[in-house]
Amino acid sequence: MSELPGSDGARRFEAGRYGANVSFFVIDSEPGEGPEPHSHPYGEVFVVLSGEVTFTVDGNAIEAGSRDIVVAEAETVHSFVNAGGGRLHMVNIHASGEMITRWLEES
């Protein structure tokens, strides 16, 4: 594999395609970027490499930065946004060979 699929802001490794059972995103995002609220039927672990990020996990805001680790348990609604003035670099680990995302419906 030469390059992970995705965009400049988020590269994706879906493990089941390669006989593994842990998937991940490599995030490199601009200030203000991040996904809308969603959940997964498995846990997700966020490893912040550099930058500042605000997570919302089960309605609670969590501020994190370099070397912090944040966990969203299975079925927990979560989102994050690059809250700093520079780029955010992190790895988002999905405890599954297949990434399954359930986006929160707008009311």
PDB file of N, CA and C in Angstrom:
ATOM      1  N   MET A   1       0.850  -1.157   0.000  1.00  0.00           N
ATOM      2  CA  MET A   1       0.000   0.000   0.000  1.00  0.00           C
ATOM      3  C   MET A   1       0.903   1.229   0.000  1.00  0.00           C
ATOM      4  N   SER A   2       0.709   2.096  -0.965  1.00  0.00           N
ATOM      5  CA  SER A   2       1.580   3.257  -1.065  1.00  0.00           C
ATOM      6  C   SER A   2       1.050   4.464  -0.301  1.00  0.00           C
ATOM      7  N   GLU A   3      -0.239   4.680  -0.308  1.00  0.00           N
ATOM      8  CA  GLU A   3      -0.798   5.849   0.364  1.00  0.00           C
ATOM      9  C   GLU A   3      -2.185   5.505   0.877  1.00  0.00           C
ATOM     10  N   LEU A   4      -2.507   6.000   2.067  1.00  0.00           N
ATOM     11  CA  LEU A   4      -3.836   5.781   2.620  1.00  0.00           C
ATOM     12  C   LEU A   4      -4.854   6.608   1.852  1.00  0.00           C
ATOM     13  N   PRO A   5      -6.044   6.048   1.602  1.00  0.00           N
ATOM     14  CA  PRO A   5      -7.080   6.825   0.906  1.00  0.00           C
ATOM     15  C   PRO A   5      -7.643   7.907   1.808  1.00  0.00           C
ATOM     16  N   GLY A   6      -8.240   8.905   1.203  1.00  0.00           N
ATOM     17  CA  GLY A   6      -8.866  10.005   1.943  1.00  0.00           C
ATOM     18  C   GLY A   6      -8.445  11.331   1.369  1.00  0.00           C
ATOM     19  N   SER A   7      -8.548  12.353   2.192  1.00  0.00           N
ATOM     20  CA  SER A   7      -8.190  13.710   1.774  1.00  0.00           C
ATOM     21  C   SER A   7      -6.920  14.134   2.495  1.00  0.00           C
ATOM     22  N   ASP A   8      -6.445  15.334   2.192  1.00  0.00           N
ATOM     23  CA  ASP A   8      -5.272  15.847   2.902  1.00  0.00           C
ATOM     24  C   ASP A   8      -5.541  15.960   4.398  1.00  0.00           C
ATOM     25  N   GLY A   9      -6.800  16.214   4.777  1.00  0.00           N
ATOM     26  CA  GLY A   9      -7.155  16.401   6.178  1.00  0.00           C
ATOM     27  C   GLY A   9      -7.375  15.121   6.964  1.00  0.00           C
ATOM     28  N   ALA A  10      -7.693  14.010   6.283  1.00  0.00           N
ATOM     29  CA  ALA A  10      -7.984  12.757   6.987  1.00  0.00           C
ATOM     30  C   ALA A  10      -7.698  11.561   6.079  1.00  0.00           C
ATOM     31  N   ARG A  11      -6.682  10.822   6.423  1.00  0.00           N
ATOM     32  CA  ARG A  11      -6.351   9.583   5.710  1.00  0.00           C
ATOM     33  C   ARG A  11      -6.953   8.415   6.472  1.00  0.00           C
ATOM     34  N   ARG A  12      -7.423   7.393   5.764  1.00  0.00           N
ATOM     35  CA  ARG A  12      -8.211   6.310   6.354  1.00  0.00           C
ATOM     36  C   ARG A  12      -7.568   4.955   6.096  1.00  0.00           C
ATOM     37  N   PHE A  13      -7.444   4.150   7.152  1.00  0.00           N
ATOM     38  CA  PHE A  13      -6.989   2.763   7.044  1.00  0.00           C
ATOM     39  C   PHE A  13      -8.089   1.879   7.591  1.00  0.00           C
ATOM     40  N   GLU A  14      -8.762   1.146   6.706  1.00  0.00           N
ATOM     41  CA  GLU A  14      -9.826   0.239   7.111  1.00  0.00           C
ATOM     42  C   GLU A  14      -9.239  -1.165   7.141  1.00  0.00           C
ATOM     43  N   ALA A  15      -9.003  -1.662   8.351  1.00  0.00           N
ATOM     44  CA  ALA A  15      -8.179  -2.839   8.610  1.00  0.00           C
ATOM     45  C   ALA A  15      -8.689  -4.131   7.994  1.00  0.00           C
ATOM     46  N   GLY A  16      -9.995  -4.341   7.961  1.00  0.00           N
ATOM     47  CA  GLY A  16     -10.546  -5.593   7.454  1.00  0.00           C
ATOM     48  C   GLY A  16     -10.099  -5.919   6.038  1.00  0.00           C
ATOM     49  N   ARG A  17      -9.813  -4.908   5.258  1.00  0.00           N
ATOM     50  CA  ARG A  17      -9.343  -5.110   3.881  1.00  0.00           C
ATOM     51  C   ARG A  17      -7.953  -5.733   3.834  1.00  0.00           C
ATOM     52  N   TYR A  18      -7.252  -5.692   4.977  1.00  0.00           N
ATOM     53  CA  TYR A  18      -5.879  -6.176   5.040  1.00  0.00           C
ATOM     54  C   TYR A  18      -5.707  -7.302   6.055  1.00  0.00           C
ATOM     55  N   GLY A  19      -6.832  -7.883   6.501  1.00  0.00           N
ATOM     56  CA  GLY A  19      -6.771  -9.000   7.425  1.00  0.00           C
ATOM     57  C   GLY A  19      -6.496  -8.596   8.870  1.00  0.00           C
ATOM     58  N   ALA A  20      -6.698  -7.335   9.200  1.00  0.00           N
ATOM     59  CA  ALA A  20      -6.486  -6.851  10.568  1.00  0.00           C
ATOM     60  C   ALA A  20      -7.834  -6.441  11.171  1.00  0.00           C
ATOM     61  N   ASN A  21      -7.852  -6.151  12.471  1.00  0.00           N
ATOM     62  CA  ASN A  21      -9.128  -5.816  13.101  1.00  0.00           C
ATOM     63  C   ASN A  21      -9.126  -4.490  13.867  1.00  0.00           C
ATOM     64  N   VAL A  22      -8.173  -3.604  13.601  1.00  0.00           N
ATOM     65  CA  VAL A  22      -8.154  -2.261  14.188  1.00  0.00           C
ATOM     66  C   VAL A  22      -7.922  -1.257  13.061  1.00  0.00           C
ATOM     67  N   SER A  23      -8.886  -0.349  12.877  1.00  0.00           N
ATOM     68  CA  SER A  23      -8.820   0.657  11.815  1.00  0.00           C
ATOM     69  C   SER A  23      -8.437   2.007  12.417  1.00  0.00           C
ATOM     70  N   PHE A  24      -8.085   2.963  11.545  1.00  0.00           N
ATOM     71  CA  PHE A  24      -7.741   4.293  12.065  1.00  0.00           C
ATOM     72  C   PHE A  24      -7.815   5.362  10.989  1.00  0.00           C
ATOM     73  N   PHE A  25      -7.944   6.609  11.476  1.00  0.00           N
ATOM     74  CA  PHE A  25      -7.784   7.799  10.654  1.00  0.00           C
ATOM     75  C   PHE A  25      -6.507   8.495  11.105  1.00  0.00           C
ATOM     76  N   VAL A  26      -5.770   9.072  10.171  1.00  0.00           N
ATOM     77  CA  VAL A  26      -4.667   9.972  10.482  1.00  0.00           C
ATOM     78  C   VAL A  26      -5.185  11.363  10.123  1.00  0.00           C
ATOM     79  N   ILE A  27      -5.299  12.213  11.142  1.00  0.00           N
ATOM     80  CA  ILE A  27      -5.907  13.536  10.978  1.00  0.00           C
ATOM     81  C   ILE A  27      -4.827  14.616  10.884  1.00  0.00           C
ATOM     82  N   ASP A  28      -5.003  15.511   9.924  1.00  0.00           N
ATOM     83  CA  ASP A  28      -4.145  16.689   9.747  1.00  0.00           C
ATOM     84  C   ASP A  28      -5.085  17.813   9.318  1.00  0.00           C
ATOM     85  N   SER A  29      -5.692  18.506  10.300  1.00  0.00           N
ATOM     86  CA  SER A  29      -6.763  19.436   9.963  1.00  0.00           C
ATOM     87  C   SER A  29      -6.447  20.889  10.298  1.00  0.00           C
ATOM     88  N   GLU A  30      -7.124  21.753   9.600  1.00  0.00           N
ATOM     89  CA  GLU A  30      -7.029  23.204   9.774  1.00  0.00           C
ATOM     90  C   GLU A  30      -7.850  23.642  10.983  1.00  0.00           C
ATOM     91  N   PRO A  31      -7.568  24.810  11.552  1.00  0.00           N
ATOM     92  CA  PRO A  31      -8.400  25.342  12.633  1.00  0.00           C
ATOM     93  C   PRO A  31      -9.878  25.383  12.225  1.00  0.00           C
ATOM     94  N   GLY A  32     -10.744  24.996  13.161  1.00  0.00           N
ATOM     95  CA  GLY A  32     -12.178  25.010  12.917  1.00  0.00           C
ATOM     96  C   GLY A  32     -12.735  23.769  12.255  1.00  0.00           C
ATOM     97  N   GLU A  33     -11.888  22.879  11.766  1.00  0.00           N
ATOM     98  CA  GLU A  33     -12.363  21.670  11.091  1.00  0.00           C
ATOM     99  C   GLU A  33     -12.636  20.549  12.085  1.00  0.00           C
ATOM    100  N   GLY A  34     -13.574  19.679  11.719  1.00  0.00           N
ATOM    101  CA  GLY A  34     -13.894  18.509  12.516  1.00  0.00           C
ATOM    102  C   GLY A  34     -15.231  17.932  12.088  1.00  0.00           C
ATOM    103  N   PRO A  35     -15.488  16.678  12.436  1.00  0.00           N
ATOM    104  CA  PRO A  35     -16.724  16.023  12.021  1.00  0.00           C
ATOM    105  C   PRO A  35     -17.929  16.427  12.879  1.00  0.00           C
ATOM    106  N   GLU A  36     -19.108  16.275  12.315  1.00  0.00           N
ATOM    107  CA  GLU A  36     -20.359  16.494  13.028  1.00  0.00           C
ATOM    108  C   GLU A  36     -20.565  15.356  14.039  1.00  0.00           C
ATOM    109  N   PRO A  37     -21.489  15.532  14.999  1.00  0.00           N
ATOM    110  CA  PRO A  37     -21.747  14.469  15.982  1.00  0.00           C
ATOM    111  C   PRO A  37     -22.142  13.151  15.316  1.00  0.00           C
ATOM    112  N   HIS A  38     -21.576  12.076  15.861  1.00  0.00           N
ATOM    113  CA  HIS A  38     -21.822  10.737  15.337  1.00  0.00           C
ATOM    114  C   HIS A  38     -21.475   9.706  16.409  1.00  0.00           C
ATOM    115  N   SER A  39     -21.741   8.444  16.113  1.00  0.00           N
ATOM    116  CA  SER A  39     -21.372   7.364  17.029  1.00  0.00           C
ATOM    117  C   SER A  39     -20.917   6.159  16.215  1.00  0.00           C
ATOM    118  N   HIS A  40     -20.378   5.180  16.929  1.00  0.00           N
ATOM    119  CA  HIS A  40     -19.939   3.922  16.327  1.00  0.00           C
ATOM    120  C   HIS A  40     -20.390   2.780  17.243  1.00  0.00           C
ATOM    121  N   PRO A  41     -20.595   1.573  16.708  1.00  0.00           N
ATOM    122  CA  PRO A  41     -20.971   0.446  17.559  1.00  0.00           C
ATOM    123  C   PRO A  41     -19.774  -0.164  18.293  1.00  0.00           C
ATOM    124  N   TYR A  42     -18.659   0.510  18.284  1.00  0.00           N
ATOM    125  CA  TYR A  42     -17.422   0.092  18.942  1.00  0.00           C
ATOM    126  C   TYR A  42     -16.752   1.347  19.502  1.00  0.00           C
ATOM    127  N   GLY A  43     -15.783   1.195  20.374  1.00  0.00           N
ATOM    128  CA  GLY A  43     -15.085   2.332  20.950  1.00  0.00           C
ATOM    129  C   GLY A  43     -14.130   2.985  19.964  1.00  0.00           C
ATOM    130  N   GLU A  44     -13.831   4.267  20.220  1.00  0.00           N
ATOM    131  CA  GLU A  44     -12.852   5.002  19.418  1.00  0.00           C
ATOM    132  C   GLU A  44     -11.886   5.693  20.374  1.00  0.00           C
ATOM    133  N   VAL A  45     -10.602   5.599  20.072  1.00  0.00           N
ATOM    134  CA  VAL A  45      -9.551   6.201  20.887  1.00  0.00           C
ATOM    135  C   VAL A  45      -8.866   7.267  20.042  1.00  0.00           C
ATOM    136  N   PHE A  46      -8.735   8.468  20.605  1.00  0.00           N
ATOM    137  CA  PHE A  46      -8.117   9.590  19.915  1.00  0.00           C
ATOM    138  C   PHE A  46      -6.757   9.864  20.555  1.00  0.00           C
ATOM    139  N   VAL A  47      -5.707   9.829  19.761  1.00  0.00           N
ATOM    140  CA  VAL A  47      -4.360  10.107  20.243  1.00  0.00           C
ATOM    141  C   VAL A  47      -3.929  11.428  19.610  1.00  0.00           C
ATOM    142  N   VAL A  48      -3.845  12.479  20.434  1.00  0.00           N
ATOM    143  CA  VAL A  48      -3.492  13.809  19.930  1.00  0.00           C
ATOM    144  C   VAL A  48      -1.971  13.895  19.853  1.00  0.00           C
ATOM    145  N   LEU A  49      -1.460  14.102  18.655  1.00  0.00           N
ATOM    146  CA  LEU A  49      -0.017  14.212  18.449  1.00  0.00           C
ATOM    147  C   LEU A  49       0.454  15.646  18.619  1.00  0.00           C
ATOM    148  N   SER A  50      -0.290  16.592  18.044  1.00  0.00           N
ATOM    149  CA  SER A  50       0.029  18.012  18.207  1.00  0.00           C
ATOM    150  C   SER A  50      -1.195  18.841  17.871  1.00  0.00           C
ATOM    151  N   GLY A  51      -1.250  20.025  18.453  1.00  0.00           N
ATOM    152  CA  GLY A  51      -2.373  20.914  18.237  1.00  0.00           C
ATOM    153  C   GLY A  51      -3.306  20.932  19.435  1.00  0.00           C
ATOM    154  N   GLU A  52      -4.397  21.659  19.273  1.00  0.00           N
ATOM    155  CA  GLU A  52      -5.411  21.784  20.309  1.00  0.00           C
ATOM    156  C   GLU A  52      -6.753  21.360  19.733  1.00  0.00           C
ATOM    157  N   VAL A  53      -7.503  20.586  20.500  1.00  0.00           N
ATOM    158  CA  VAL A  53      -8.766  20.049  20.011  1.00  0.00           C
ATOM    159  C   VAL A  53      -9.802  20.078  21.126  1.00  0.00           C
ATOM    160  N   THR A  54     -11.036  20.373  20.740  1.00  0.00           N
ATOM    161  CA  THR A  54     -12.151  20.265  21.672  1.00  0.00           C
ATOM    162  C   THR A  54     -13.021  19.109  21.217  1.00  0.00           C
ATOM    163  N   PHE A  55     -13.160  18.127  22.093  1.00  0.00           N
ATOM    164  CA  PHE A  55     -14.038  16.986  21.853  1.00  0.00           C
ATOM    165  C   PHE A  55     -15.355  17.257  22.564  1.00  0.00           C
ATOM    166  N   THR A  56     -16.435  16.760  22.011  1.00  0.00           N
ATOM    167  CA  THR A  56     -17.702  16.676  22.721  1.00  0.00           C
ATOM    168  C   THR A  56     -18.044  15.196  22.753  1.00  0.00           C
ATOM    169  N   VAL A  57     -18.052  14.636  23.956  1.00  0.00           N
ATOM    170  CA  VAL A  57     -18.307  13.204  24.137  1.00  0.00           C
ATOM    171  C   VAL A  57     -19.481  13.063  25.093  1.00  0.00           C
ATOM    172  N   ASP A  58     -20.575  12.495  24.594  1.00  0.00           N
ATOM    173  CA  ASP A  58     -21.779  12.309  25.406  1.00  0.00           C
ATOM    174  C   ASP A  58     -22.225  13.637  26.030  1.00  0.00           C
ATOM    175  N   GLY A  59     -22.101  14.730  25.251  1.00  0.00           N
ATOM    176  CA  GLY A  59     -22.534  16.045  25.692  1.00  0.00           C
ATOM    177  C   GLY A  59     -21.541  16.816  26.545  1.00  0.00           C
ATOM    178  N   ASN A  60     -20.399  16.206  26.873  1.00  0.00           N
ATOM    179  CA  ASN A  60     -19.388  16.857  27.705  1.00  0.00           C
ATOM    180  C   ASN A  60     -18.228  17.362  26.860  1.00  0.00           C
ATOM    181  N   ALA A  61     -17.840  18.627  27.056  1.00  0.00           N
ATOM    182  CA  ALA A  61     -16.698  19.192  26.337  1.00  0.00           C
ATOM    183  C   ALA A  61     -15.408  18.763  27.025  1.00  0.00           C
ATOM    184  N   ILE A  62     -14.447  18.342  26.213  1.00  0.00           N
ATOM    185  CA  ILE A  62     -13.137  17.911  26.707  1.00  0.00           C
ATOM    186  C   ILE A  62     -12.080  18.625  25.887  1.00  0.00           C
ATOM    187  N   GLU A  63     -11.256  19.437  26.552  1.00  0.00           N
ATOM    188  CA  GLU A  63     -10.146  20.123  25.885  1.00  0.00           C
ATOM    189  C   GLU A  63      -8.929  19.201  25.922  1.00  0.00           C
ATOM    190  N   ALA A  64      -8.242  19.058  24.804  1.00  0.00           N
ATOM    191  CA  ALA A  64      -7.073  18.182  24.751  1.00  0.00           C
ATOM    192  C   ALA A  64      -5.996  18.808  23.879  1.00  0.00           C
ATOM    193  N   GLY A  65      -4.765  18.371  24.112  1.00  0.00           N
ATOM    194  CA  GLY A  65      -3.626  18.853  23.343  1.00  0.00           C
ATOM    195  C   GLY A  65      -2.605  17.754  23.181  1.00  0.00           C
ATOM    196  N   SER A  66      -1.431  18.135  22.735  1.00  0.00           N
ATOM    197  CA  SER A  66      -0.356  17.181  22.454  1.00  0.00           C
ATOM    198  C   SER A  66      -0.195  16.156  23.563  1.00  0.00           C
ATOM    199  N   ARG A  67      -0.101  14.901  23.162  1.00  0.00           N
ATOM    200  CA  ARG A  67       0.119  13.743  24.030  1.00  0.00           C
ATOM    201  C   ARG A  67      -1.088  13.331  24.856  1.00  0.00           C
ATOM    202  N   ASP A  68      -2.237  13.991  24.661  1.00  0.00           N
ATOM    203  CA  ASP A  68      -3.447  13.575  25.375  1.00  0.00           C
ATOM    204  C   ASP A  68      -4.137  12.450  24.611  1.00  0.00           C
ATOM    205  N   ILE A  69      -4.873  11.643  25.357  1.00  0.00           N
ATOM    206  CA  ILE A  69      -5.665  10.553  24.788  1.00  0.00           C
ATOM    207  C   ILE A  69      -7.087  10.703  25.302  1.00  0.00           C
ATOM    208  N   VAL A  70      -8.048  10.627  24.387  1.00  0.00           N
ATOM    209  CA  VAL A  70      -9.461  10.732  24.731  1.00  0.00           C
ATOM    210  C   VAL A  70     -10.152   9.479  24.187  1.00  0.00           C
ATOM    211  N   VAL A  71     -11.112   8.957  24.952  1.00  0.00           N
ATOM    212  CA  VAL A  71     -11.836   7.746  24.557  1.00  0.00           C
ATOM    213  C   VAL A  71     -13.325   8.045  24.456  1.00  0.00           C
ATOM    214  N   ALA A  72     -13.938   7.590  23.370  1.00  0.00           N
ATOM    215  CA  ALA A  72     -15.397   7.601  23.229  1.00  0.00           C
ATOM    216  C   ALA A  72     -15.831   6.136  23.216  1.00  0.00           C
ATOM    217  N   GLU A  73     -16.604   5.749  24.208  1.00  0.00           N
ATOM    218  CA  GLU A  73     -17.044   4.356  24.298  1.00  0.00           C
ATOM    219  C   GLU A  73     -18.037   4.036  23.190  1.00  0.00           C
ATOM    220  N   ALA A  74     -18.258   2.768  22.959  1.00  0.00           N
ATOM    221  CA  ALA A  74     -19.209   2.304  21.944  1.00  0.00           C
ATOM    222  C   ALA A  74     -20.571   2.969  22.144  1.00  0.00           C
ATOM    223  N   GLU A  75     -21.197   3.354  21.041  1.00  0.00           N
ATOM    224  CA  GLU A  75     -22.534   3.952  21.000  1.00  0.00           C
ATOM    225  C   GLU A  75     -22.611   5.361  21.594  1.00  0.00           C
ATOM    226  N   THR A  76     -21.475   5.947  21.990  1.00  0.00           N
ATOM    227  CA  THR A  76     -21.465   7.291  22.572  1.00  0.00           C
ATOM    228  C   THR A  76     -21.374   8.337  21.461  1.00  0.00           C
ATOM    229  N   VAL A  77     -22.277   9.296  21.468  1.00  0.00           N
ATOM    230  CA  VAL A  77     -22.242  10.372  20.469  1.00  0.00           C
ATOM    231  C   VAL A  77     -21.049  11.269  20.779  1.00  0.00           C
ATOM    232  N   HIS A  78     -20.263  11.556  19.737  1.00  0.00           N
ATOM    233  CA  HIS A  78     -19.072  12.372  19.908  1.00  0.00           C
ATOM    234  C   HIS A  78     -18.762  13.158  18.633  1.00  0.00           C
ATOM    235  N   SER A  79     -17.950  14.195  18.803  1.00  0.00           N
ATOM    236  CA  SER A  79     -17.452  15.003  17.688  1.00  0.00           C
ATOM    237  C   SER A  79     -16.196  15.689  18.191  1.00  0.00           C
ATOM    238  N   PHE A  80     -15.491  16.350  17.284  1.00  0.00           N
ATOM    239  CA  PHE A  80     -14.332  17.148  17.692  1.00  0.00           C
ATOM    240  C   PHE A  80     -14.115  18.264  16.701  1.00  0.00           C
ATOM    241  N   VAL A  81     -13.391  19.289  17.149  1.00  0.00           N
ATOM    242  CA  VAL A  81     -13.054  20.408  16.282  1.00  0.00           C
ATOM    243  C   VAL A  81     -11.646  20.878  16.632  1.00  0.00           C
ATOM    244  N   ASN A  82     -10.883  21.220  15.624  1.00  0.00           N
ATOM    245  CA  ASN A  82      -9.566  21.804  15.846  1.00  0.00           C
ATOM    246  C   ASN A  82      -9.790  23.167  16.487  1.00  0.00           C
ATOM    247  N   ALA A  83      -9.434  23.291  17.767  1.00  0.00           N
ATOM    248  CA  ALA A  83      -9.699  24.502  18.537  1.00  0.00           C
ATOM    249  C   ALA A  83      -8.495  25.435  18.627  1.00  0.00           C
ATOM    250  N   GLY A  84      -7.410  25.086  17.975  1.00  0.00           N
ATOM    251  CA  GLY A  84      -6.200  25.892  18.051  1.00  0.00           C
ATOM    252  C   GLY A  84      -6.039  26.817  16.860  1.00  0.00           C
ATOM    253  N   GLY A  85      -4.930  27.534  16.860  1.00  0.00           N
ATOM    254  CA  GLY A  85      -4.619  28.444  15.766  1.00  0.00           C
ATOM    255  C   GLY A  85      -3.775  27.809  14.678  1.00  0.00           C
ATOM    256  N   GLY A  86      -3.322  26.562  14.910  1.00  0.00           N
ATOM    257  CA  GLY A  86      -2.505  25.840  13.934  1.00  0.00           C
ATOM    258  C   GLY A  86      -3.149  24.519  13.565  1.00  0.00           C
ATOM    259  N   ARG A  87      -2.391  23.691  12.901  1.00  0.00           N
ATOM    260  CA  ARG A  87      -2.905  22.396  12.449  1.00  0.00           C
ATOM    261  C   ARG A  87      -3.048  21.428  13.617  1.00  0.00           C
ATOM    262  N   LEU A  88      -4.011  20.534  13.491  1.00  0.00           N
ATOM    263  CA  LEU A  88      -4.243  19.463  14.459  1.00  0.00           C
ATOM    264  C   LEU A  88      -3.773  18.159  13.834  1.00  0.00           C
ATOM    265  N   HIS A  89      -2.920  17.433  14.552  1.00  0.00           N
ATOM    266  CA  HIS A  89      -2.451  16.124  14.103  1.00  0.00           C
ATOM    267  C   HIS A  89      -2.841  15.096  15.156  1.00  0.00           C
ATOM    268  N   MET A  90      -3.586  14.082  14.749  1.00  0.00           N
ATOM    269  CA  MET A  90      -3.936  13.017  15.680  1.00  0.00           C
ATOM    270  C   MET A  90      -4.257  11.742  14.916  1.00  0.00           C
ATOM    271  N   VAL A  91      -4.297  10.650  15.667  1.00  0.00           N
ATOM    272  CA  VAL A  91      -4.674   9.351  15.131  1.00  0.00           C
ATOM    273  C   VAL A  91      -5.934   8.922  15.870  1.00  0.00           C
ATOM    274  N   ASN A  92      -6.973   8.572  15.116  1.00  0.00           N
ATOM    275  CA  ASN A  92      -8.249   8.150  15.683  1.00  0.00           C
ATOM    276  C   ASN A  92      -8.411   6.656  15.422  1.00  0.00           C
ATOM    277  N   ILE A  93      -8.338   5.861  16.485  1.00  0.00           N
ATOM    278  CA  ILE A  93      -8.312   4.410  16.379  1.00  0.00           C
ATOM    279  C   ILE A  93      -9.714   3.846  16.581  1.00  0.00           C
ATOM    280  N   HIS A  94     -10.160   3.061  15.612  1.00  0.00           N
ATOM    281  CA  HIS A  94     -11.467   2.407  15.649  1.00  0.00           C
ATOM    282  C   HIS A  94     -11.249   0.930  15.974  1.00  0.00           C
ATOM    283  N   ALA A  95     -11.900   0.460  17.033  1.00  0.00           N
ATOM    284  CA  ALA A  95     -11.739  -0.924  17.473  1.00  0.00           C
ATOM    285  C   ALA A  95     -12.580  -1.869  16.617  1.00  0.00           C
ATOM    286  N   SER A  96     -12.308  -1.855  15.305  1.00  0.00           N
ATOM    287  CA  SER A  96     -13.079  -2.657  14.363  1.00  0.00           C
ATOM    288  C   SER A  96     -12.326  -2.750  13.038  1.00  0.00           C
ATOM    289  N   GLY A  97     -12.489  -3.852  12.354  1.00  0.00           N
ATOM    290  CA  GLY A  97     -11.911  -4.001  11.030  1.00  0.00           C
ATOM    291  C   GLY A  97     -12.670  -3.223   9.973  1.00  0.00           C
ATOM    292  N   GLU A  98     -13.927  -2.895  10.283  1.00  0.00           N
ATOM    293  CA  GLU A  98     -14.782  -2.132   9.371  1.00  0.00           C
ATOM    294  C   GLU A  98     -15.257  -0.874  10.093  1.00  0.00           C
ATOM    295  N   MET A  99     -15.077   0.276   9.469  1.00  0.00           N
ATOM    296  CA  MET A  99     -15.543   1.523  10.072  1.00  0.00           C
ATOM    297  C   MET A  99     -17.035   1.685   9.819  1.00  0.00           C
ATOM    298  N   ILE A 100     -17.776   1.862  10.907  1.00  0.00           N
ATOM    299  CA  ILE A 100     -19.221   2.037  10.838  1.00  0.00           C
ATOM    300  C   ILE A 100     -19.546   3.336  11.570  1.00  0.00           C
ATOM    301  N   THR A 101     -20.079   4.311  10.853  1.00  0.00           N
ATOM    302  CA  THR A 101     -20.399   5.614  11.448  1.00  0.00           C
ATOM    303  C   THR A 101     -21.873   5.875  11.352  1.00  0.00           C
ATOM    304  N   ARG A 102     -22.474   6.248  12.474  1.00  0.00           N
ATOM    305  CA  ARG A 102     -23.893   6.611  12.528  1.00  0.00           C
ATOM    306  C   ARG A 102     -23.951   8.113  12.838  1.00  0.00           C
ATOM    307  N   TRP A 103     -24.298   8.882  11.814  1.00  0.00           N
ATOM    308  CA  TRP A 103     -24.371  10.343  11.966  1.00  0.00           C
ATOM    309  C   TRP A 103     -25.622  10.725  12.721  1.00  0.00           C
ATOM    310  N   LEU A 104     -25.507  11.674  13.637  1.00  0.00           N
ATOM    311  CA  LEU A 104     -26.638  12.145  14.421  1.00  0.00           C
ATOM    312  C   LEU A 104     -27.570  12.907  13.484  1.00  0.00           C
ATOM    313  N   GLU A 105     -28.834  12.552  13.503  1.00  0.00           N
ATOM    314  CA  GLU A 105     -29.787  13.224  12.633  1.00  0.00           C
ATOM    315  C   GLU A 105     -30.103  14.592  13.190  1.00  0.00           C
ATOM    316  N   GLU A 106     -30.227  15.554  12.280  1.00  0.00           N
ATOM    317  CA  GLU A 106     -30.603  16.900  12.701  1.00  0.00           C
ATOM    318  C   GLU A 106     -32.077  16.914  13.045  1.00  0.00           C
ATOM    319  N   SER A 107     -32.436  17.699  14.094  1.00  0.00           N
ATOM    320  CA  SER A 107     -33.865  17.777  14.460  1.00  0.00           C
ATOM    321  C   SER A 107     -34.531  18.950  13.823  1.00  0.00           C
TER     322      SER A 107
END
